[in-house]
């Protein structure tokens, strides 16, 4: 039985795709902030990216330890760079 893809507003969908592209944002952070599991993020990426872009993303994601909290080095607990969201 296939999981239903969530019906998300365009702005939220765009942010999820952006977070999925970021190498240092783990799938767990996407799930915590948007309630979308890794499996659903992959399905969303497959649906909204061109074929070649999706394949390149999957290849890159599979080789990144930073996309999976369990594979991260001990002590790395944040989902983004501390200076990423600086308020000016």
PDB file of N, CA and C in Angstrom:
ATOM      1  N   UNK A   1       0.844  -1.186   0.000  1.00  0.00           N
ATOM      2  CA  UNK A   1       0.000   0.000   0.000  1.00  0.00           C
ATOM      3  C   UNK A   1       0.884   1.243   0.000  1.00  0.00           C
ATOM      4  N   UNK A   2       0.675   2.137  -0.952  1.00  0.00           N
ATOM      5  CA  UNK A   2       1.490   3.335  -1.071  1.00  0.00           C
ATOM      6  C   UNK A   2       1.042   4.397  -0.080  1.00  0.00           C
ATOM      7  N   UNK A   3       2.007   5.134   0.419  1.00  0.00           N
ATOM      8  CA  UNK A   3       1.688   6.255   1.311  1.00  0.00           C
ATOM      9  C   UNK A   3       1.126   7.395   0.480  1.00  0.00           C
ATOM     10  N   UNK A   4       0.119   8.035   1.005  1.00  0.00           N
ATOM     11  CA  UNK A   4      -0.440   9.206   0.356  1.00  0.00           C
ATOM     12  C   UNK A   4       0.527  10.379   0.527  1.00  0.00           C
ATOM     13  N   UNK A   5       0.734  11.116  -0.534  1.00  0.00           N
ATOM     14  CA  UNK A   5       1.561  12.311  -0.437  1.00  0.00           C
ATOM     15  C   UNK A   5       0.713  13.428   0.154  1.00  0.00           C
ATOM     16  N   UNK A   6       1.288  14.200   1.061  1.00  0.00           N
ATOM     17  CA  UNK A   6       0.508  15.275   1.678  1.00  0.00           C
ATOM     18  C   UNK A   6       0.190  16.379   0.671  1.00  0.00           C
ATOM     19  N   UNK A   7      -0.961  16.999   0.847  1.00  0.00           N
ATOM     20  CA  UNK A   7      -1.359  18.134   0.031  1.00  0.00           C
ATOM     21  C   UNK A   7      -0.866  19.383   0.757  1.00  0.00           C
ATOM     22  N   UNK A   8       0.227  19.942   0.275  1.00  0.00           N
ATOM     23  CA  UNK A   8       0.882  21.047   0.969  1.00  0.00           C
ATOM     24  C   UNK A   8       0.746  22.346   0.193  1.00  0.00           C
ATOM     25  N   UNK A   9       0.705  23.472   0.913  1.00  0.00           N
ATOM     26  CA  UNK A   9       0.744  24.772   0.233  1.00  0.00           C
ATOM     27  C   UNK A   9       2.067  24.906  -0.531  1.00  0.00           C
ATOM     28  N   UNK A  10       2.036  25.664  -1.600  1.00  0.00           N
ATOM     29  CA  UNK A  10       3.217  25.827  -2.462  1.00  0.00           C
ATOM     30  C   UNK A  10       4.445  26.311  -1.681  1.00  0.00           C
ATOM     31  N   UNK A  11       4.250  27.234  -0.747  1.00  0.00           N
ATOM     32  CA  UNK A  11       5.364  27.773   0.033  1.00  0.00           C
ATOM     33  C   UNK A  11       6.016  26.689   0.895  1.00  0.00           C
ATOM     34  N   UNK A  12       5.200  25.863   1.533  1.00  0.00           N
ATOM     35  CA  UNK A  12       5.728  24.788   2.374  1.00  0.00           C
ATOM     36  C   UNK A  12       6.409  23.716   1.525  1.00  0.00           C
ATOM     37  N   UNK A  13       5.815  23.381   0.398  1.00  0.00           N
ATOM     38  CA  UNK A  13       6.412  22.409  -0.516  1.00  0.00           C
ATOM     39  C   UNK A  13       7.777  22.894  -0.989  1.00  0.00           C
ATOM     40  N   UNK A  14       7.855  24.174  -1.336  1.00  0.00           N
ATOM     41  CA  UNK A  14       9.115  24.763  -1.774  1.00  0.00           C
ATOM     42  C   UNK A  14      10.174  24.678  -0.677  1.00  0.00           C
ATOM     43  N   UNK A  15       9.786  24.940   0.560  1.00  0.00           N
ATOM     44  CA  UNK A  15      10.735  24.877   1.685  1.00  0.00           C
ATOM     45  C   UNK A  15      11.203  23.447   1.922  1.00  0.00           C
ATOM     46  N   UNK A  16      10.319  22.471   1.806  1.00  0.00           N
ATOM     47  CA  UNK A  16      10.705  21.064   1.980  1.00  0.00           C
ATOM     48  C   UNK A  16      11.716  20.660   0.903  1.00  0.00           C
ATOM     49  N   UNK A  17      11.461  21.052  -0.333  1.00  0.00           N
ATOM     50  CA  UNK A  17      12.390  20.738  -1.422  1.00  0.00           C
ATOM     51  C   UNK A  17      13.733  21.418  -1.173  1.00  0.00           C
ATOM     52  N   UNK A  18      13.703  22.656  -0.727  1.00  0.00           N
ATOM     53  CA  UNK A  18      14.938  23.376  -0.410  1.00  0.00           C
ATOM     54  C   UNK A  18      15.718  22.658   0.687  1.00  0.00           C
ATOM     55  N   UNK A  19      15.023  22.238   1.742  1.00  0.00           N
ATOM     56  CA  UNK A  19      15.687  21.527   2.841  1.00  0.00           C
ATOM     57  C   UNK A  19      16.249  20.182   2.364  1.00  0.00           C
ATOM     58  N   UNK A  20      15.530  19.510   1.481  1.00  0.00           N
ATOM     59  CA  UNK A  20      16.007  18.229   0.962  1.00  0.00           C
ATOM     60  C   UNK A  20      17.269  18.407   0.128  1.00  0.00           C
ATOM     61  N   UNK A  21      17.380  19.512  -0.587  1.00  0.00           N
ATOM     62  CA  UNK A  21      18.572  19.786  -1.392  1.00  0.00           C
ATOM     63  C   UNK A  21      19.783  20.110  -0.519  1.00  0.00           C
ATOM     64  N   UNK A  22      19.547  20.699   0.648  1.00  0.00           N
ATOM     65  CA  UNK A  22      20.648  21.079   1.533  1.00  0.00           C
ATOM     66  C   UNK A  22      21.332  19.821   2.063  1.00  0.00           C
ATOM     67  N   UNK A  23      22.626  19.752   1.903  1.00  0.00           N
ATOM     68  CA  UNK A  23      23.373  18.555   2.306  1.00  0.00           C
ATOM     69  C   UNK A  23      23.371  18.332   3.808  1.00  0.00           C
ATOM     70  N   UNK A  24      23.322  19.380   4.580  1.00  0.00           N
ATOM     71  CA  UNK A  24      23.446  19.228   6.034  1.00  0.00           C
ATOM     72  C   UNK A  24      22.113  19.171   6.781  1.00  0.00           C
ATOM     73  N   UNK A  25      21.019  19.248   6.063  1.00  0.00           N
ATOM     74  CA  UNK A  25      19.715  19.159   6.722  1.00  0.00           C
ATOM     75  C   UNK A  25      19.247  17.710   6.678  1.00  0.00           C
ATOM     76  N   UNK A  26      19.192  17.045   7.827  1.00  0.00           N
ATOM     77  CA  UNK A  26      18.784  15.633   7.837  1.00  0.00           C
ATOM     78  C   UNK A  26      17.283  15.477   7.588  1.00  0.00           C
ATOM     79  N   UNK A  27      16.915  14.310   7.109  1.00  0.00           N
ATOM     80  CA  UNK A  27      15.500  14.017   6.883  1.00  0.00           C
ATOM     81  C   UNK A  27      14.710  14.120   8.184  1.00  0.00           C
ATOM     82  N   UNK A  28      15.345  13.808   9.299  1.00  0.00           N
ATOM     83  CA  UNK A  28      14.669  13.903  10.600  1.00  0.00           C
ATOM     84  C   UNK A  28      14.250  15.343  10.899  1.00  0.00           C
ATOM     85  N   UNK A  29      15.058  16.317  10.490  1.00  0.00           N
ATOM     86  CA  UNK A  29      14.711  17.727  10.706  1.00  0.00           C
ATOM     87  C   UNK A  29      13.524  18.129   9.835  1.00  0.00           C
ATOM     88  N   UNK A  30      13.470  17.594   8.620  1.00  0.00           N
ATOM     89  CA  UNK A  30      12.334  17.872   7.743  1.00  0.00           C
ATOM     90  C   UNK A  30      11.067  17.286   8.345  1.00  0.00           C
ATOM     91  N   UNK A  31      11.182  16.069   8.862  1.00  0.00           N
ATOM     92  CA  UNK A  31      10.014  15.441   9.477  1.00  0.00           C
ATOM     93  C   UNK A  31       9.572  16.187  10.736  1.00  0.00           C
ATOM     94  N   UNK A  32      10.535  16.633  11.535  1.00  0.00           N
ATOM     95  CA  UNK A  32      10.193  17.352  12.765  1.00  0.00           C
ATOM     96  C   UNK A  32       9.521  18.694  12.467  1.00  0.00           C
ATOM     97  N   UNK A  33       9.974  19.392  11.435  1.00  0.00           N
ATOM     98  CA  UNK A  33       9.431  20.721  11.164  1.00  0.00           C
ATOM     99  C   UNK A  33       8.198  20.714  10.267  1.00  0.00           C
ATOM    100  N   UNK A  34       8.058  19.689   9.408  1.00  0.00           N
ATOM    101  CA  UNK A  34       6.946  19.681   8.451  1.00  0.00           C
ATOM    102  C   UNK A  34       6.076  18.425   8.525  1.00  0.00           C
ATOM    103  N   UNK A  35       6.497  17.435   9.312  1.00  0.00           N
ATOM    104  CA  UNK A  35       5.704  16.219   9.451  1.00  0.00           C
ATOM    105  C   UNK A  35       5.726  15.319   8.225  1.00  0.00           C
ATOM    106  N   UNK A  36       6.778  15.430   7.405  1.00  0.00           N
ATOM    107  CA  UNK A  36       6.885  14.636   6.183  1.00  0.00           C
ATOM    108  C   UNK A  36       8.060  13.672   6.344  1.00  0.00           C
ATOM    109  N   UNK A  37       7.787  12.377   6.266  1.00  0.00           N
ATOM    110  CA  UNK A  37       8.822  11.359   6.464  1.00  0.00           C
ATOM    111  C   UNK A  37       9.808  11.332   5.301  1.00  0.00           C
ATOM    112  N   UNK A  38      10.928  10.654   5.503  1.00  0.00           N
ATOM    113  CA  UNK A  38      11.946  10.531   4.454  1.00  0.00           C
ATOM    114  C   UNK A  38      11.334   9.918   3.195  1.00  0.00           C
ATOM    115  N   UNK A  39      10.551   8.882   3.351  1.00  0.00           N
ATOM    116  CA  UNK A  39       9.920   8.218   2.193  1.00  0.00           C
ATOM    117  C   UNK A  39       9.045   9.199   1.414  1.00  0.00           C
ATOM    118  N   UNK A  40       8.306  10.042   2.123  1.00  0.00           N
ATOM    119  CA  UNK A  40       7.435  11.012   1.451  1.00  0.00           C
ATOM    120  C   UNK A  40       8.239  12.147   0.819  1.00  0.00           C
ATOM    121  N   UNK A  41       9.351  12.530   1.454  1.00  0.00           N
ATOM    122  CA  UNK A  41      10.228  13.550   0.858  1.00  0.00           C
ATOM    123  C   UNK A  41      10.773  13.028  -0.466  1.00  0.00           C
ATOM    124  N   UNK A  42      11.194  11.778  -0.496  1.00  0.00           N
ATOM    125  CA  UNK A  42      11.707  11.183  -1.730  1.00  0.00           C
ATOM    126  C   UNK A  42      10.625  11.175  -2.805  1.00  0.00           C
ATOM    127  N   UNK A  43       9.404  10.811  -2.419  1.00  0.00           N
ATOM    128  CA  UNK A  43       8.294  10.803  -3.373  1.00  0.00           C
ATOM    129  C   UNK A  43       7.982  12.219  -3.880  1.00  0.00           C
ATOM    130  N   UNK A  44       8.032  13.212  -2.976  1.00  0.00           N
ATOM    131  CA  UNK A  44       7.814  14.599  -3.384  1.00  0.00           C
ATOM    132  C   UNK A  44       8.890  15.064  -4.357  1.00  0.00           C
ATOM    133  N   UNK A  45      10.136  14.711  -4.057  1.00  0.00           N
ATOM    134  CA  UNK A  45      11.236  15.097  -4.938  1.00  0.00           C
ATOM    135  C   UNK A  45      11.077  14.429  -6.303  1.00  0.00           C
ATOM    136  N   UNK A  46      10.701  13.171  -6.308  1.00  0.00           N
ATOM    137  CA  UNK A  46      10.498  12.455  -7.568  1.00  0.00           C
ATOM    138  C   UNK A  46       9.407  13.137  -8.398  1.00  0.00           C
ATOM    139  N   UNK A  47       8.354  13.574  -7.745  1.00  0.00           N
ATOM    140  CA  UNK A  47       7.219  14.183  -8.450  1.00  0.00           C
ATOM    141  C   UNK A  47       7.544  15.590  -8.957  1.00  0.00           C
ATOM    142  N   UNK A  48       8.333  16.369  -8.197  1.00  0.00           N
ATOM    143  CA  UNK A  48       8.515  17.785  -8.514  1.00  0.00           C
ATOM    144  C   UNK A  48       9.833  18.128  -9.199  1.00  0.00           C
ATOM    145  N   UNK A  49      10.737  17.171  -9.329  1.00  0.00           N
ATOM    146  CA  UNK A  49      11.999  17.425 -10.031  1.00  0.00           C
ATOM    147  C   UNK A  49      11.993  16.746 -11.389  1.00  0.00           C
ATOM    148  N   UNK A  50      12.811  17.248 -12.286  1.00  0.00           N
ATOM    149  CA  UNK A  50      13.018  16.559 -13.563  1.00  0.00           C
ATOM    150  C   UNK A  50      13.753  15.251 -13.273  1.00  0.00           C
ATOM    151  N   UNK A  51      13.637  14.291 -14.156  1.00  0.00           N
ATOM    152  CA  UNK A  51      14.225  12.971 -13.954  1.00  0.00           C
ATOM    153  C   UNK A  51      15.711  13.002 -13.639  1.00  0.00           C
ATOM    154  N   UNK A  52      16.478  13.736 -14.419  1.00  0.00           N
ATOM    155  CA  UNK A  52      17.923  13.813 -14.208  1.00  0.00           C
ATOM    156  C   UNK A  52      18.278  14.495 -12.894  1.00  0.00           C
ATOM    157  N   UNK A  53      17.524  15.518 -12.549  1.00  0.00           N
ATOM    158  CA  UNK A  53      17.765  16.221 -11.286  1.00  0.00           C
ATOM    159  C   UNK A  53      17.460  15.310 -10.104  1.00  0.00           C
ATOM    160  N   UNK A  54      16.379  14.540 -10.216  1.00  0.00           N
ATOM    161  CA  UNK A  54      16.036  13.614  -9.144  1.00  0.00           C
ATOM    162  C   UNK A  54      17.128  12.558  -8.977  1.00  0.00           C
ATOM    163  N   UNK A  55      17.589  11.976 -10.073  1.00  0.00           N
ATOM    164  CA  UNK A  55      18.636  10.939  -9.991  1.00  0.00           C
ATOM    165  C   UNK A  55      19.926  11.495  -9.395  1.00  0.00           C
ATOM    166  N   UNK A  56      20.307  12.717  -9.786  1.00  0.00           N
ATOM    167  CA  UNK A  56      21.506  13.350  -9.221  1.00  0.00           C
ATOM    168  C   UNK A  56      21.335  13.591  -7.725  1.00  0.00           C
ATOM    169  N   UNK A  57      20.147  14.044  -7.328  1.00  0.00           N
ATOM    170  CA  UNK A  57      19.875  14.287  -5.907  1.00  0.00           C
ATOM    171  C   UNK A  57      19.941  12.989  -5.119  1.00  0.00           C
ATOM    172  N   UNK A  58      19.310  11.928  -5.623  1.00  0.00           N
ATOM    173  CA  UNK A  58      19.309  10.640  -4.917  1.00  0.00           C
ATOM    174  C   UNK A  58      20.724  10.097  -4.773  1.00  0.00           C
ATOM    175  N   UNK A  59      21.524  10.227  -5.823  1.00  0.00           N
ATOM    176  CA  UNK A  59      22.907   9.745  -5.768  1.00  0.00           C
ATOM    177  C   UNK A  59      23.673  10.502  -4.688  1.00  0.00           C
ATOM    178  N   UNK A  60      23.492  11.814  -4.646  1.00  0.00           N
ATOM    179  CA  UNK A  60      24.192  12.635  -3.659  1.00  0.00           C
ATOM    180  C   UNK A  60      23.703  12.342  -2.245  1.00  0.00           C
ATOM    181  N   UNK A  61      22.400  12.217  -2.067  1.00  0.00           N
ATOM    182  CA  UNK A  61      21.826  11.975  -0.747  1.00  0.00           C
ATOM    183  C   UNK A  61      22.281  10.625  -0.190  1.00  0.00           C
ATOM    184  N   UNK A  62      22.342   9.617  -1.037  1.00  0.00           N
ATOM    185  CA  UNK A  62      22.738   8.286  -0.579  1.00  0.00           C
ATOM    186  C   UNK A  62      24.173   8.242  -0.068  1.00  0.00           C
ATOM    187  N   UNK A  63      25.008   9.140  -0.545  1.00  0.00           N
ATOM    188  CA  UNK A  63      26.410   9.128  -0.105  1.00  0.00           C
ATOM    189  C   UNK A  63      26.679  10.101   1.039  1.00  0.00           C
ATOM    190  N   UNK A  64      25.666  10.826   1.505  1.00  0.00           N
ATOM    191  CA  UNK A  64      25.843  11.826   2.561  1.00  0.00           C
ATOM    192  C   UNK A  64      25.448  11.272   3.923  1.00  0.00           C
ATOM    193  N   UNK A  65      26.391  11.244   4.814  1.00  0.00           N
ATOM    194  CA  UNK A  65      26.080  10.834   6.184  1.00  0.00           C
ATOM    195  C   UNK A  65      25.266  11.913   6.893  1.00  0.00           C
ATOM    196  N   UNK A  66      25.389  13.150   6.434  1.00  0.00           N
ATOM    197  CA  UNK A  66      24.713  14.260   7.116  1.00  0.00           C
ATOM    198  C   UNK A  66      23.200  14.266   6.900  1.00  0.00           C
ATOM    199  N   UNK A  67      22.693  13.535   5.915  1.00  0.00           N
ATOM    200  CA  UNK A  67      21.257  13.506   5.663  1.00  0.00           C
ATOM    201  C   UNK A  67      20.535  12.545   6.593  1.00  0.00           C
ATOM    202  N   UNK A  68      21.281  11.733   7.328  1.00  0.00           N
ATOM    203  CA  UNK A  68      20.684  10.741   8.219  1.00  0.00           C
ATOM    204  C   UNK A  68      21.309  10.898   9.597  1.00  0.00           C
ATOM    205  N   UNK A  69      20.506  11.223  10.571  1.00  0.00           N
ATOM    206  CA  UNK A  69      21.001  11.488  11.920  1.00  0.00           C
ATOM    207  C   UNK A  69      21.806  10.302  12.457  1.00  0.00           C
ATOM    208  N   UNK A  70      21.375   9.098  12.174  1.00  0.00           N
ATOM    209  CA  UNK A  70      22.069   7.908  12.689  1.00  0.00           C
ATOM    210  C   UNK A  70      23.481   7.779  12.123  1.00  0.00           C
ATOM    211  N   UNK A  71      23.737   8.351  10.953  1.00  0.00           N
ATOM    212  CA  UNK A  71      25.054   8.265  10.327  1.00  0.00           C
ATOM    213  C   UNK A  71      25.953   9.450  10.664  1.00  0.00           C
ATOM    214  N   UNK A  72      25.424  10.442  11.343  1.00  0.00           N
ATOM    215  CA  UNK A  72      26.210  11.638  11.657  1.00  0.00           C
ATOM    216  C   UNK A  72      27.259  11.357  12.720  1.00  0.00           C
ATOM    217  N   UNK A  73      28.358  12.087  12.686  1.00  0.00           N
ATOM    218  CA  UNK A  73      29.362  11.953  13.744  1.00  0.00           C
ATOM    219  C   UNK A  73      28.773  12.367  15.090  1.00  0.00           C
ATOM    220  N   UNK A  74      29.280  11.788  16.131  1.00  0.00           N
ATOM    221  CA  UNK A  74      28.815  12.132  17.479  1.00  0.00           C
ATOM    222  C   UNK A  74      29.044  13.619  17.737  1.00  0.00           C
ATOM    223  N   UNK A  75      28.102  14.251  18.382  1.00  0.00           N
ATOM    224  CA  UNK A  75      28.248  15.661  18.734  1.00  0.00           C
ATOM    225  C   UNK A  75      27.608  16.618  17.755  1.00  0.00           C
ATOM    226  N   UNK A  76      27.243  16.177  16.546  1.00  0.00           N
ATOM    227  CA  UNK A  76      26.578  17.050  15.585  1.00  0.00           C
ATOM    228  C   UNK A  76      25.084  16.880  15.784  1.00  0.00           C
ATOM    229  N   UNK A  77      24.470  17.872  16.415  1.00  0.00           N
ATOM    230  CA  UNK A  77      23.062  17.761  16.750  1.00  0.00           C
ATOM    231  C   UNK A  77      22.195  18.788  16.036  1.00  0.00           C
ATOM    232  N   UNK A  78      22.784  19.784  15.432  1.00  0.00           N
ATOM    233  CA  UNK A  78      21.997  20.820  14.779  1.00  0.00           C
ATOM    234  C   UNK A  78      21.651  20.398  13.348  1.00  0.00           C
ATOM    235  N   UNK A  79      20.632  21.025  12.797  1.00  0.00           N
ATOM    236  CA  UNK A  79      20.199  20.710  11.438  1.00  0.00           C
ATOM    237  C   UNK A  79      20.717  21.720  10.421  1.00  0.00           C
ATOM    238  N   UNK A  80      21.290  22.818  10.898  1.00  0.00           N
ATOM    239  CA  UNK A  80      21.774  23.836   9.987  1.00  0.00           C
ATOM    240  C   UNK A  80      22.954  24.563  10.615  1.00  0.00           C
ATOM    241  N   UNK A  81      23.662  25.306   9.792  1.00  0.00           N
ATOM    242  CA  UNK A  81      24.805  26.090  10.248  1.00  0.00           C
ATOM    243  C   UNK A  81      24.296  27.186  11.195  1.00  0.00           C
ATOM    244  N   UNK A  82      24.998  27.431  12.311  1.00  0.00           N
ATOM    245  CA  UNK A  82      24.542  28.457  13.258  1.00  0.00           C
ATOM    246  C   UNK A  82      24.387  29.844  12.636  1.00  0.00           C
ATOM    247  N   UNK A  83      25.123  30.144  11.569  1.00  0.00           N
ATOM    248  CA  UNK A  83      25.037  31.467  10.946  1.00  0.00           C
ATOM    249  C   UNK A  83      24.060  31.502   9.774  1.00  0.00           C
ATOM    250  N   UNK A  84      23.407  30.397   9.483  1.00  0.00           N
ATOM    251  CA  UNK A  84      22.528  30.313   8.321  1.00  0.00           C
ATOM    252  C   UNK A  84      21.330  31.246   8.412  1.00  0.00           C
ATOM    253  N   UNK A  85      20.743  31.390   9.575  1.00  0.00           N
ATOM    254  CA  UNK A  85      19.541  32.195   9.729  1.00  0.00           C
ATOM    255  C   UNK A  85      19.790  33.426  10.586  1.00  0.00           C
ATOM    256  N   UNK A  86      20.886  34.132  10.318  1.00  0.00           N
ATOM    257  CA  UNK A  86      21.196  35.343  11.076  1.00  0.00           C
ATOM    258  C   UNK A  86      20.191  36.430  10.771  1.00  0.00           C
ATOM    259  N   UNK A  87      19.769  37.109  11.808  1.00  0.00           N
ATOM    260  CA  UNK A  87      18.875  38.253  11.665  1.00  0.00           C
ATOM    261  C   UNK A  87      19.740  39.500  11.659  1.00  0.00           C
ATOM    262  N   UNK A  88      19.525  40.314  10.682  1.00  0.00           N
ATOM    263  CA  UNK A  88      20.363  41.525  10.557  1.00  0.00           C
ATOM    264  C   UNK A  88      19.698  42.706  11.177  1.00  0.00           C
TER     265      UNK A  88
END
